[in-house]
């Protein structure tokens, strides 16, 4: 089993309390369905800042800023992608970047 970083991008902002509860329940249901594969359900993230190799700084996350993350276990990248296809962020126009976490110990 490998561990994968799911980085969420985009998705619509919800302000209506009833709609927000519905969205949050969809996320809870998705995590529950994955069971022990959820290592860290993660969190939303604020606006990012990028520090480039030349020391310059870019604010506001660039063209496709991260909106959250999770750590998910899967047998391989195909299984990680299959898990991601059920993520609620996809229903609101978002996307998921997936990268295997390399164990350096």
PDB file of N, CA and C in Angstrom:
ATOM      1  N   UNK A   1       0.851  -1.178   0.000  1.00  0.00           N
ATOM      2  CA  UNK A   1       0.000   0.000   0.000  1.00  0.00           C
ATOM      3  C   UNK A   1       0.893   1.236   0.000  1.00  0.00           C
ATOM      4  N   UNK A   2       0.571   2.164  -0.836  1.00  0.00           N
ATOM      5  CA  UNK A   2       1.297   3.430  -0.906  1.00  0.00           C
ATOM      6  C   UNK A   2       0.388   4.540  -0.381  1.00  0.00           C
ATOM      7  N   UNK A   3       0.996   5.654  -0.028  1.00  0.00           N
ATOM      8  CA  UNK A   3       0.240   6.825   0.419  1.00  0.00           C
ATOM      9  C   UNK A   3       0.293   7.889  -0.673  1.00  0.00           C
ATOM     10  N   UNK A   4      -0.841   8.561  -0.867  1.00  0.00           N
ATOM     11  CA  UNK A   4      -0.962   9.563  -1.916  1.00  0.00           C
ATOM     12  C   UNK A   4      -1.453  10.879  -1.337  1.00  0.00           C
ATOM     13  N   UNK A   5      -0.850  11.949  -1.830  1.00  0.00           N
ATOM     14  CA  UNK A   5      -1.287  13.293  -1.501  1.00  0.00           C
ATOM     15  C   UNK A   5      -2.328  13.696  -2.532  1.00  0.00           C
ATOM     16  N   UNK A   6      -3.518  14.013  -2.064  1.00  0.00           N
ATOM     17  CA  UNK A   6      -4.568  14.554  -2.920  1.00  0.00           C
ATOM     18  C   UNK A   6      -4.576  16.056  -2.691  1.00  0.00           C
ATOM     19  N   UNK A   7      -4.295  16.828  -3.718  1.00  0.00           N
ATOM     20  CA  UNK A   7      -4.350  18.287  -3.623  1.00  0.00           C
ATOM     21  C   UNK A   7      -5.556  18.742  -4.421  1.00  0.00           C
ATOM     22  N   UNK A   8      -6.470  19.394  -3.729  1.00  0.00           N
ATOM     23  CA  UNK A   8      -7.703  19.845  -4.358  1.00  0.00           C
ATOM     24  C   UNK A   8      -7.494  21.241  -4.922  1.00  0.00           C
ATOM     25  N   UNK A   9      -8.050  21.457  -6.104  1.00  0.00           N
ATOM     26  CA  UNK A   9      -7.972  22.752  -6.772  1.00  0.00           C
ATOM     27  C   UNK A   9      -9.387  23.185  -7.135  1.00  0.00           C
ATOM     28  N   UNK A  10      -9.670  24.455  -6.897  1.00  0.00           N
ATOM     29  CA  UNK A  10     -10.945  25.019  -7.331  1.00  0.00           C
ATOM     30  C   UNK A  10     -12.117  24.530  -6.518  1.00  0.00           C
ATOM     31  N   UNK A  11     -13.237  24.421  -7.200  1.00  0.00           N
ATOM     32  CA  UNK A  11     -14.491  24.098  -6.532  1.00  0.00           C
ATOM     33  C   UNK A  11     -15.217  25.392  -6.204  1.00  0.00           C
ATOM     34  N   UNK A  12     -16.504  25.342  -6.171  1.00  0.00           N
ATOM     35  CA  UNK A  12     -17.270  26.560  -5.914  1.00  0.00           C
ATOM     36  C   UNK A  12     -17.328  26.854  -4.420  1.00  0.00           C
ATOM     37  N   UNK A  13     -17.432  28.111  -4.093  1.00  0.00           N
ATOM     38  CA  UNK A  13     -17.582  28.565  -2.713  1.00  0.00           C
ATOM     39  C   UNK A  13     -19.057  28.532  -2.355  1.00  0.00           C
ATOM     40  N   UNK A  14     -19.383  27.928  -1.234  1.00  0.00           N
ATOM     41  CA  UNK A  14     -20.770  27.806  -0.800  1.00  0.00           C
ATOM     42  C   UNK A  14     -20.990  28.733   0.386  1.00  0.00           C
ATOM     43  N   UNK A  15     -22.049  29.538   0.327  1.00  0.00           N
ATOM     44  CA  UNK A  15     -22.355  30.450   1.431  1.00  0.00           C
ATOM     45  C   UNK A  15     -23.674  30.130   2.110  1.00  0.00           C
ATOM     46  N   UNK A  16     -24.613  29.513   1.398  1.00  0.00           N
ATOM     47  CA  UNK A  16     -25.903  29.158   1.979  1.00  0.00           C
ATOM     48  C   UNK A  16     -25.697  28.054   3.021  1.00  0.00           C
ATOM     49  N   UNK A  17     -26.142  28.240   4.271  1.00  0.00           N
ATOM     50  CA  UNK A  17     -25.914  27.250   5.333  1.00  0.00           C
ATOM     51  C   UNK A  17     -26.439  25.852   5.006  1.00  0.00           C
ATOM     52  N   UNK A  18     -27.613  25.753   4.412  1.00  0.00           N
ATOM     53  CA  UNK A  18     -28.165  24.440   4.074  1.00  0.00           C
ATOM     54  C   UNK A  18     -27.331  23.755   2.997  1.00  0.00           C
ATOM     55  N   UNK A  19     -26.919  24.526   2.004  1.00  0.00           N
ATOM     56  CA  UNK A  19     -26.081  23.961   0.941  1.00  0.00           C
ATOM     57  C   UNK A  19     -24.712  23.565   1.491  1.00  0.00           C
ATOM     58  N   UNK A  20     -24.170  24.391   2.388  1.00  0.00           N
ATOM     59  CA  UNK A  20     -22.882  24.080   3.007  1.00  0.00           C
ATOM     60  C   UNK A  20     -22.966  22.767   3.773  1.00  0.00           C
ATOM     61  N   UNK A  21     -24.025  22.559   4.520  1.00  0.00           N
ATOM     62  CA  UNK A  21     -24.190  21.306   5.263  1.00  0.00           C
ATOM     63  C   UNK A  21     -24.279  20.121   4.310  1.00  0.00           C
ATOM     64  N   UNK A  22     -24.968  20.295   3.193  1.00  0.00           N
ATOM     65  CA  UNK A  22     -25.076  19.237   2.201  1.00  0.00           C
ATOM     66  C   UNK A  22     -23.703  18.885   1.618  1.00  0.00           C
ATOM     67  N   UNK A  23     -22.924  19.905   1.305  1.00  0.00           N
ATOM     68  CA  UNK A  23     -21.572  19.692   0.766  1.00  0.00           C
ATOM     69  C   UNK A  23     -20.694  18.997   1.805  1.00  0.00           C
ATOM     70  N   UNK A  24     -20.749  19.457   3.039  1.00  0.00           N
ATOM     71  CA  UNK A  24     -19.935  18.848   4.097  1.00  0.00           C
ATOM     72  C   UNK A  24     -20.341  17.393   4.324  1.00  0.00           C
ATOM     73  N   UNK A  25     -21.631  17.098   4.236  1.00  0.00           N
ATOM     74  CA  UNK A  25     -22.086  15.718   4.389  1.00  0.00           C
ATOM     75  C   UNK A  25     -21.570  14.852   3.247  1.00  0.00           C
ATOM     76  N   UNK A  26     -21.511  15.386   2.040  1.00  0.00           N
ATOM     77  CA  UNK A  26     -20.958  14.637   0.906  1.00  0.00           C
ATOM     78  C   UNK A  26     -19.492  14.292   1.152  1.00  0.00           C
ATOM     79  N   UNK A  27     -18.734  15.243   1.705  1.00  0.00           N
ATOM     80  CA  UNK A  27     -17.323  14.974   2.034  1.00  0.00           C
ATOM     81  C   UNK A  27     -17.228  13.912   3.132  1.00  0.00           C
ATOM     82  N   UNK A  28     -18.041  14.033   4.180  1.00  0.00           N
ATOM     83  CA  UNK A  28     -18.016  13.028   5.257  1.00  0.00           C
ATOM     84  C   UNK A  28     -18.357  11.649   4.710  1.00  0.00           C
ATOM     85  N   UNK A  29     -19.349  11.574   3.831  1.00  0.00           N
ATOM     86  CA  UNK A  29     -19.748  10.291   3.237  1.00  0.00           C
ATOM     87  C   UNK A  29     -18.617   9.704   2.401  1.00  0.00           C
ATOM     88  N   UNK A  30     -17.931  10.553   1.643  1.00  0.00           N
ATOM     89  CA  UNK A  30     -16.819  10.079   0.806  1.00  0.00           C
ATOM     90  C   UNK A  30     -15.699   9.518   1.672  1.00  0.00           C
ATOM     91  N   UNK A  31     -15.316  10.254   2.713  1.00  0.00           N
ATOM     92  CA  UNK A  31     -14.265   9.768   3.607  1.00  0.00           C
ATOM     93  C   UNK A  31     -14.697   8.482   4.306  1.00  0.00           C
ATOM     94  N   UNK A  32     -15.925   8.404   4.758  1.00  0.00           N
ATOM     95  CA  UNK A  32     -16.436   7.209   5.431  1.00  0.00           C
ATOM     96  C   UNK A  32     -16.391   6.011   4.492  1.00  0.00           C
ATOM     97  N   UNK A  33     -16.757   6.205   3.245  1.00  0.00           N
ATOM     98  CA  UNK A  33     -16.754   5.112   2.264  1.00  0.00           C
ATOM     99  C   UNK A  33     -15.347   4.564   2.027  1.00  0.00           C
ATOM    100  N   UNK A  34     -14.328   5.413   2.167  1.00  0.00           N
ATOM    101  CA  UNK A  34     -12.949   4.956   1.962  1.00  0.00           C
ATOM    102  C   UNK A  34     -12.383   4.264   3.201  1.00  0.00           C
ATOM    103  N   UNK A  35     -13.019   4.431   4.344  1.00  0.00           N
ATOM    104  CA  UNK A  35     -12.602   3.734   5.558  1.00  0.00           C
ATOM    105  C   UNK A  35     -11.157   3.986   5.939  1.00  0.00           C
ATOM    106  N   UNK A  36     -10.430   2.882   6.189  1.00  0.00           N
ATOM    107  CA  UNK A  36      -9.049   2.956   6.664  1.00  0.00           C
ATOM    108  C   UNK A  36      -8.086   3.528   5.633  1.00  0.00           C
ATOM    109  N   UNK A  37      -8.511   3.683   4.395  1.00  0.00           N
ATOM    110  CA  UNK A  37      -7.645   4.278   3.373  1.00  0.00           C
ATOM    111  C   UNK A  37      -7.396   5.760   3.645  1.00  0.00           C
ATOM    112  N   UNK A  38      -8.233   6.375   4.466  1.00  0.00           N
ATOM    113  CA  UNK A  38      -8.057   7.792   4.799  1.00  0.00           C
ATOM    114  C   UNK A  38      -7.032   7.902   5.917  1.00  0.00           C
ATOM    115  N   UNK A  39      -5.846   8.374   5.567  1.00  0.00           N
ATOM    116  CA  UNK A  39      -4.775   8.559   6.543  1.00  0.00           C
ATOM    117  C   UNK A  39      -4.976   9.880   7.272  1.00  0.00           C
ATOM    118  N   UNK A  40      -5.291  10.914   6.508  1.00  0.00           N
ATOM    119  CA  UNK A  40      -5.559  12.248   7.052  1.00  0.00           C
ATOM    120  C   UNK A  40      -6.574  12.885   6.115  1.00  0.00           C
ATOM    121  N   UNK A  41      -7.768  13.164   6.626  1.00  0.00           N
ATOM    122  CA  UNK A  41      -8.791  13.757   5.762  1.00  0.00           C
ATOM    123  C   UNK A  41      -8.408  15.158   5.319  1.00  0.00           C
ATOM    124  N   UNK A  42      -7.436  15.768   5.982  1.00  0.00           N
ATOM    125  CA  UNK A  42      -6.921  17.060   5.559  1.00  0.00           C
ATOM    126  C   UNK A  42      -7.825  18.203   5.931  1.00  0.00           C
ATOM    127  N   UNK A  43      -7.666  19.295   5.213  1.00  0.00           N
ATOM    128  CA  UNK A  43      -8.392  20.532   5.472  1.00  0.00           C
ATOM    129  C   UNK A  43      -8.391  21.393   4.230  1.00  0.00           C
ATOM    130  N   UNK A  44      -9.304  22.353   4.193  1.00  0.00           N
ATOM    131  CA  UNK A  44      -9.184  23.397   3.173  1.00  0.00           C
ATOM    132  C   UNK A  44      -7.935  24.227   3.495  1.00  0.00           C
ATOM    133  N   UNK A  45      -7.426  24.926   2.505  1.00  0.00           N
ATOM    134  CA  UNK A  45      -6.277  25.801   2.738  1.00  0.00           C
ATOM    135  C   UNK A  45      -6.616  27.217   2.290  1.00  0.00           C
ATOM    136  N   UNK A  46      -5.900  28.175   2.869  1.00  0.00           N
ATOM    137  CA  UNK A  46      -6.072  29.568   2.484  1.00  0.00           C
ATOM    138  C   UNK A  46      -5.316  29.874   1.200  1.00  0.00           C
ATOM    139  N   UNK A  47      -5.325  31.114   0.828  1.00  0.00           N
ATOM    140  CA  UNK A  47      -4.644  31.560  -0.384  1.00  0.00           C
ATOM    141  C   UNK A  47      -3.140  31.304  -0.240  1.00  0.00           C
ATOM    142  N   UNK A  48      -2.548  30.698  -1.252  1.00  0.00           N
ATOM    143  CA  UNK A  48      -1.140  30.332  -1.184  1.00  0.00           C
ATOM    144  C   UNK A  48      -0.228  31.416  -1.735  1.00  0.00           C
ATOM    145  N   UNK A  49       1.022  31.309  -1.329  1.00  0.00           N
ATOM    146  CA  UNK A  49       2.100  32.165  -1.816  1.00  0.00           C
ATOM    147  C   UNK A  49       3.213  31.254  -2.306  1.00  0.00           C
ATOM    148  N   UNK A  50       3.800  31.570  -3.454  1.00  0.00           N
ATOM    149  CA  UNK A  50       4.877  30.767  -4.022  1.00  0.00           C
ATOM    150  C   UNK A  50       6.190  31.532  -3.923  1.00  0.00           C
ATOM    151  N   UNK A  51       7.224  30.861  -3.394  1.00  0.00           N
ATOM    152  CA  UNK A  51       8.574  31.415  -3.377  1.00  0.00           C
ATOM    153  C   UNK A  51       9.349  30.697  -4.473  1.00  0.00           C
ATOM    154  N   UNK A  52       9.800  31.430  -5.485  1.00  0.00           N
ATOM    155  CA  UNK A  52      10.527  30.864  -6.617  1.00  0.00           C
ATOM    156  C   UNK A  52      12.009  30.723  -6.304  1.00  0.00           C
ATOM    157  N   UNK A  53      12.704  29.933  -7.119  1.00  0.00           N
ATOM    158  CA  UNK A  53      14.125  29.673  -6.893  1.00  0.00           C
ATOM    159  C   UNK A  53      14.972  30.939  -6.946  1.00  0.00           C
ATOM    160  N   UNK A  54      14.505  31.981  -7.636  1.00  0.00           N
ATOM    161  CA  UNK A  54      15.248  33.238  -7.688  1.00  0.00           C
ATOM    162  C   UNK A  54      14.908  34.160  -6.523  1.00  0.00           C
ATOM    163  N   UNK A  55      14.062  33.666  -5.601  1.00  0.00           N
ATOM    164  CA  UNK A  55      13.685  34.454  -4.437  1.00  0.00           C
ATOM    165  C   UNK A  55      12.452  35.319  -4.639  1.00  0.00           C
ATOM    166  N   UNK A  56      11.961  35.384  -5.872  1.00  0.00           N
ATOM    167  CA  UNK A  56      10.766  36.186  -6.108  1.00  0.00           C
ATOM    168  C   UNK A  56       9.545  35.492  -5.482  1.00  0.00           C
ATOM    169  N   UNK A  57       8.559  36.281  -5.170  1.00  0.00           N
ATOM    170  CA  UNK A  57       7.363  35.777  -4.506  1.00  0.00           C
ATOM    171  C   UNK A  57       6.143  36.083  -5.356  1.00  0.00           C
ATOM    172  N   UNK A  58       5.297  35.072  -5.534  1.00  0.00           N
ATOM    173  CA  UNK A  58       4.046  35.217  -6.265  1.00  0.00           C
ATOM    174  C   UNK A  58       2.915  34.961  -5.272  1.00  0.00           C
ATOM    175  N   UNK A  59       2.038  35.930  -5.116  1.00  0.00           N
ATOM    176  CA  UNK A  59       0.908  35.796  -4.205  1.00  0.00           C
ATOM    177  C   UNK A  59      -0.326  35.278  -4.932  1.00  0.00           C
ATOM    178  N   UNK A  60      -1.275  34.830  -4.189  1.00  0.00           N
ATOM    179  CA  UNK A  60      -2.600  34.432  -4.657  1.00  0.00           C
ATOM    180  C   UNK A  60      -2.630  33.115  -5.405  1.00  0.00           C
ATOM    181  N   UNK A  61      -1.637  32.262  -5.229  1.00  0.00           N
ATOM    182  CA  UNK A  61      -1.716  30.890  -5.711  1.00  0.00           C
ATOM    183  C   UNK A  61      -1.525  30.636  -7.183  1.00  0.00           C
ATOM    184  N   UNK A  62      -1.282  31.615  -7.973  1.00  0.00           N
ATOM    185  CA  UNK A  62      -1.057  31.381  -9.391  1.00  0.00           C
ATOM    186  C   UNK A  62      -2.326  31.027 -10.142  1.00  0.00           C
ATOM    187  N   UNK A  63      -2.158  30.323 -11.248  1.00  0.00           N
ATOM    188  CA  UNK A  63      -3.294  30.069 -12.141  1.00  0.00           C
ATOM    189  C   UNK A  63      -4.223  28.957 -11.659  1.00  0.00           C
ATOM    190  N   UNK A  64      -3.744  28.078 -10.803  1.00  0.00           N
ATOM    191  CA  UNK A  64      -4.571  26.958 -10.330  1.00  0.00           C
ATOM    192  C   UNK A  64      -4.269  26.696  -8.856  1.00  0.00           C
ATOM    193  N   UNK A  65      -4.667  27.608  -7.975  1.00  0.00           N
ATOM    194  CA  UNK A  65      -4.281  27.488  -6.571  1.00  0.00           C
ATOM    195  C   UNK A  65      -4.913  26.287  -5.873  1.00  0.00           C
ATOM    196  N   UNK A  66      -4.182  25.757  -4.910  1.00  0.00           N
ATOM    197  CA  UNK A  66      -4.704  24.665  -4.088  1.00  0.00           C
ATOM    198  C   UNK A  66      -5.830  25.191  -3.216  1.00  0.00           C
ATOM    199  N   UNK A  67      -6.839  24.342  -2.996  1.00  0.00           N
ATOM    200  CA  UNK A  67      -7.932  24.716  -2.095  1.00  0.00           C
ATOM    201  C   UNK A  67      -8.040  23.770  -0.904  1.00  0.00           C
ATOM    202  N   UNK A  68      -7.251  22.685  -0.895  1.00  0.00           N
ATOM    203  CA  UNK A  68      -7.242  21.758   0.228  1.00  0.00           C
ATOM    204  C   UNK A  68      -6.388  20.545  -0.082  1.00  0.00           C
ATOM    205  N   UNK A  69      -6.339  19.619   0.881  1.00  0.00           N
ATOM    206  CA  UNK A  69      -5.516  18.421   0.709  1.00  0.00           C
ATOM    207  C   UNK A  69      -6.068  17.272   1.549  1.00  0.00           C
ATOM    208  N   UNK A  70      -5.666  16.057   1.225  1.00  0.00           N
ATOM    209  CA  UNK A  70      -5.906  14.858   2.030  1.00  0.00           C
ATOM    210  C   UNK A  70      -4.759  13.889   1.774  1.00  0.00           C
ATOM    211  N   UNK A  71      -4.565  12.947   2.688  1.00  0.00           N
ATOM    212  CA  UNK A  71      -3.622  11.846   2.498  1.00  0.00           C
ATOM    213  C   UNK A  71      -4.437  10.559   2.452  1.00  0.00           C
ATOM    214  N   UNK A  72      -4.291   9.821   1.354  1.00  0.00           N
ATOM    215  CA  UNK A  72      -5.104   8.640   1.099  1.00  0.00           C
ATOM    216  C   UNK A  72      -4.194   7.465   0.744  1.00  0.00           C
ATOM    217  N   UNK A  73      -4.470   6.296   1.320  1.00  0.00           N
ATOM    218  CA  UNK A  73      -3.725   5.080   0.990  1.00  0.00           C
ATOM    219  C   UNK A  73      -4.396   4.382  -0.188  1.00  0.00           C
ATOM    220  N   UNK A  74      -3.575   3.810  -1.056  1.00  0.00           N
ATOM    221  CA  UNK A  74      -4.084   3.050  -2.201  1.00  0.00           C
ATOM    222  C   UNK A  74      -2.997   2.081  -2.650  1.00  0.00           C
ATOM    223  N   UNK A  75      -3.398   1.014  -3.300  1.00  0.00           N
ATOM    224  CA  UNK A  75      -2.450   0.015  -3.775  1.00  0.00           C
ATOM    225  C   UNK A  75      -1.531   0.573  -4.854  1.00  0.00           C
ATOM    226  N   UNK A  76      -2.065   1.466  -5.688  1.00  0.00           N
ATOM    227  CA  UNK A  76      -1.285   2.048  -6.773  1.00  0.00           C
ATOM    228  C   UNK A  76      -1.998   3.306  -7.270  1.00  0.00           C
ATOM    229  N   UNK A  77      -1.418   3.964  -8.260  1.00  0.00           N
ATOM    230  CA  UNK A  77      -1.985   5.214  -8.766  1.00  0.00           C
ATOM    231  C   UNK A  77      -3.375   4.989  -9.375  1.00  0.00           C
ATOM    232  N   UNK A  78      -3.601   3.831  -9.969  1.00  0.00           N
ATOM    233  CA  UNK A  78      -4.916   3.562 -10.544  1.00  0.00           C
ATOM    234  C   UNK A  78      -5.992   3.518  -9.463  1.00  0.00           C
ATOM    235  N   UNK A  79      -5.680   2.878  -8.339  1.00  0.00           N
ATOM    236  CA  UNK A  79      -6.636   2.839  -7.243  1.00  0.00           C
ATOM    237  C   UNK A  79      -6.827   4.230  -6.645  1.00  0.00           C
ATOM    238  N   UNK A  80      -5.745   4.997  -6.529  1.00  0.00           N
ATOM    239  CA  UNK A  80      -5.857   6.368  -6.009  1.00  0.00           C
ATOM    240  C   UNK A  80      -6.769   7.197  -6.916  1.00  0.00           C
ATOM    241  N   UNK A  81      -6.606   7.062  -8.214  1.00  0.00           N
ATOM    242  CA  UNK A  81      -7.459   7.798  -9.159  1.00  0.00           C
ATOM    243  C   UNK A  81      -8.913   7.349  -9.048  1.00  0.00           C
ATOM    244  N   UNK A  82      -9.133   6.050  -8.874  1.00  0.00           N
ATOM    245  CA  UNK A  82     -10.500   5.546  -8.727  1.00  0.00           C
ATOM    246  C   UNK A  82     -11.143   6.129  -7.466  1.00  0.00           C
ATOM    247  N   UNK A  83     -10.368   6.222  -6.378  1.00  0.00           N
ATOM    248  CA  UNK A  83     -10.895   6.824  -5.147  1.00  0.00           C
ATOM    249  C   UNK A  83     -11.242   8.300  -5.391  1.00  0.00           C
ATOM    250  N   UNK A  84     -10.380   8.994  -6.108  1.00  0.00           N
ATOM    251  CA  UNK A  84     -10.576  10.423  -6.354  1.00  0.00           C
ATOM    252  C   UNK A  84     -11.827  10.694  -7.191  1.00  0.00           C
ATOM    253  N   UNK A  85     -12.176   9.788  -8.068  1.00  0.00           N
ATOM    254  CA  UNK A  85     -13.327  10.018  -8.951  1.00  0.00           C
ATOM    255  C   UNK A  85     -14.647  10.183  -8.200  1.00  0.00           C
ATOM    256  N   UNK A  86     -14.696   9.768  -6.946  1.00  0.00           N
ATOM    257  CA  UNK A  86     -15.919   9.918  -6.148  1.00  0.00           C
ATOM    258  C   UNK A  86     -15.875  11.150  -5.245  1.00  0.00           C
ATOM    259  N   UNK A  87     -14.840  11.964  -5.359  1.00  0.00           N
ATOM    260  CA  UNK A  87     -14.679  13.131  -4.493  1.00  0.00           C
ATOM    261  C   UNK A  87     -15.703  14.220  -4.810  1.00  0.00           C
ATOM    262  N   UNK A  88     -16.321  14.780  -3.769  1.00  0.00           N
ATOM    263  CA  UNK A  88     -17.327  15.827  -3.980  1.00  0.00           C
ATOM    264  C   UNK A  88     -16.822  17.085  -4.685  1.00  0.00           C
ATOM    265  N   UNK A  89     -15.536  17.373  -4.635  1.00  0.00           N
ATOM    266  CA  UNK A  89     -15.055  18.603  -5.278  1.00  0.00           C
ATOM    267  C   UNK A  89     -15.273  18.562  -6.784  1.00  0.00           C
ATOM    268  N   UNK A  90     -15.308  17.369  -7.341  1.00  0.00           N
ATOM    269  CA  UNK A  90     -15.514  17.240  -8.784  1.00  0.00           C
ATOM    270  C   UNK A  90     -16.917  17.695  -9.187  1.00  0.00           C
ATOM    271  N   UNK A  91     -17.878  17.586  -8.265  1.00  0.00           N
ATOM    272  CA  UNK A  91     -19.245  18.014  -8.551  1.00  0.00           C
ATOM    273  C   UNK A  91     -19.391  19.529  -8.603  1.00  0.00           C
ATOM    274  N   UNK A  92     -18.387  20.254  -8.105  1.00  0.00           N
ATOM    275  CA  UNK A  92     -18.468  21.720  -8.102  1.00  0.00           C
ATOM    276  C   UNK A  92     -17.420  22.351  -9.014  1.00  0.00           C
ATOM    277  N   UNK A  93     -16.948  21.575  -9.991  1.00  0.00           N
ATOM    278  CA  UNK A  93     -16.025  22.119 -10.977  1.00  0.00           C
ATOM    279  C   UNK A  93     -14.566  22.085 -10.578  1.00  0.00           C
ATOM    280  N   UNK A  94     -14.237  21.476  -9.437  1.00  0.00           N
ATOM    281  CA  UNK A  94     -12.851  21.399  -8.989  1.00  0.00           C
ATOM    282  C   UNK A  94     -12.113  20.232  -9.615  1.00  0.00           C
ATOM    283  N   UNK A  95     -10.832  20.118  -9.259  1.00  0.00           N
ATOM    284  CA  UNK A  95     -10.011  19.016  -9.745  1.00  0.00           C
ATOM    285  C   UNK A  95      -9.130  18.520  -8.601  1.00  0.00           C
ATOM    286  N   UNK A  96      -8.510  17.364  -8.818  1.00  0.00           N
ATOM    287  CA  UNK A  96      -7.644  16.770  -7.801  1.00  0.00           C
ATOM    288  C   UNK A  96      -6.319  16.400  -8.443  1.00  0.00           C
ATOM    289  N   UNK A  97      -5.247  16.899  -7.864  1.00  0.00           N
ATOM    290  CA  UNK A  97      -3.893  16.519  -8.263  1.00  0.00           C
ATOM    291  C   UNK A  97      -3.452  15.424  -7.302  1.00  0.00           C
ATOM    292  N   UNK A  98      -2.930  14.319  -7.827  1.00  0.00           N
ATOM    293  CA  UNK A  98      -2.551  13.175  -6.995  1.00  0.00           C
ATOM    294  C   UNK A  98      -1.069  12.900  -7.176  1.00  0.00           C
ATOM    295  N   UNK A  99      -0.355  12.743  -6.058  1.00  0.00           N
ATOM    296  CA  UNK A  99       1.064  12.411  -6.108  1.00  0.00           C
ATOM    297  C   UNK A  99       1.381  11.382  -5.046  1.00  0.00           C
ATOM    298  N   UNK A 100       2.140  10.346  -5.408  1.00  0.00           N
ATOM    299  CA  UNK A 100       2.566   9.365  -4.432  1.00  0.00           C
ATOM    300  C   UNK A 100       3.579  10.002  -3.477  1.00  0.00           C
ATOM    301  N   UNK A 101       3.420   9.696  -2.210  1.00  0.00           N
ATOM    302  CA  UNK A 101       4.355  10.188  -1.203  1.00  0.00           C
ATOM    303  C   UNK A 101       5.500   9.169  -1.132  1.00  0.00           C
ATOM    304  N   UNK A 102       6.708   9.644  -1.342  1.00  0.00           N
ATOM    305  CA  UNK A 102       7.883   8.791  -1.353  1.00  0.00           C
ATOM    306  C   UNK A 102       8.456   8.709   0.056  1.00  0.00           C
ATOM    307  N   UNK A 103       8.534   7.492   0.602  1.00  0.00           N
ATOM    308  CA  UNK A 103       9.073   7.283   1.945  1.00  0.00           C
ATOM    309  C   UNK A 103      10.591   7.342   1.875  1.00  0.00           C
ATOM    310  N   UNK A 104      11.181   8.299   2.544  1.00  0.00           N
ATOM    311  CA  UNK A 104      12.642   8.486   2.500  1.00  0.00           C
ATOM    312  C   UNK A 104      13.362   7.888   3.709  1.00  0.00           C
ATOM    313  N   UNK A 105      12.624   7.136   4.549  1.00  0.00           N
ATOM    314  CA  UNK A 105      13.285   6.550   5.726  1.00  0.00           C
ATOM    315  C   UNK A 105      13.797   5.173   5.454  1.00  0.00           C
TER     316      UNK A 105
END
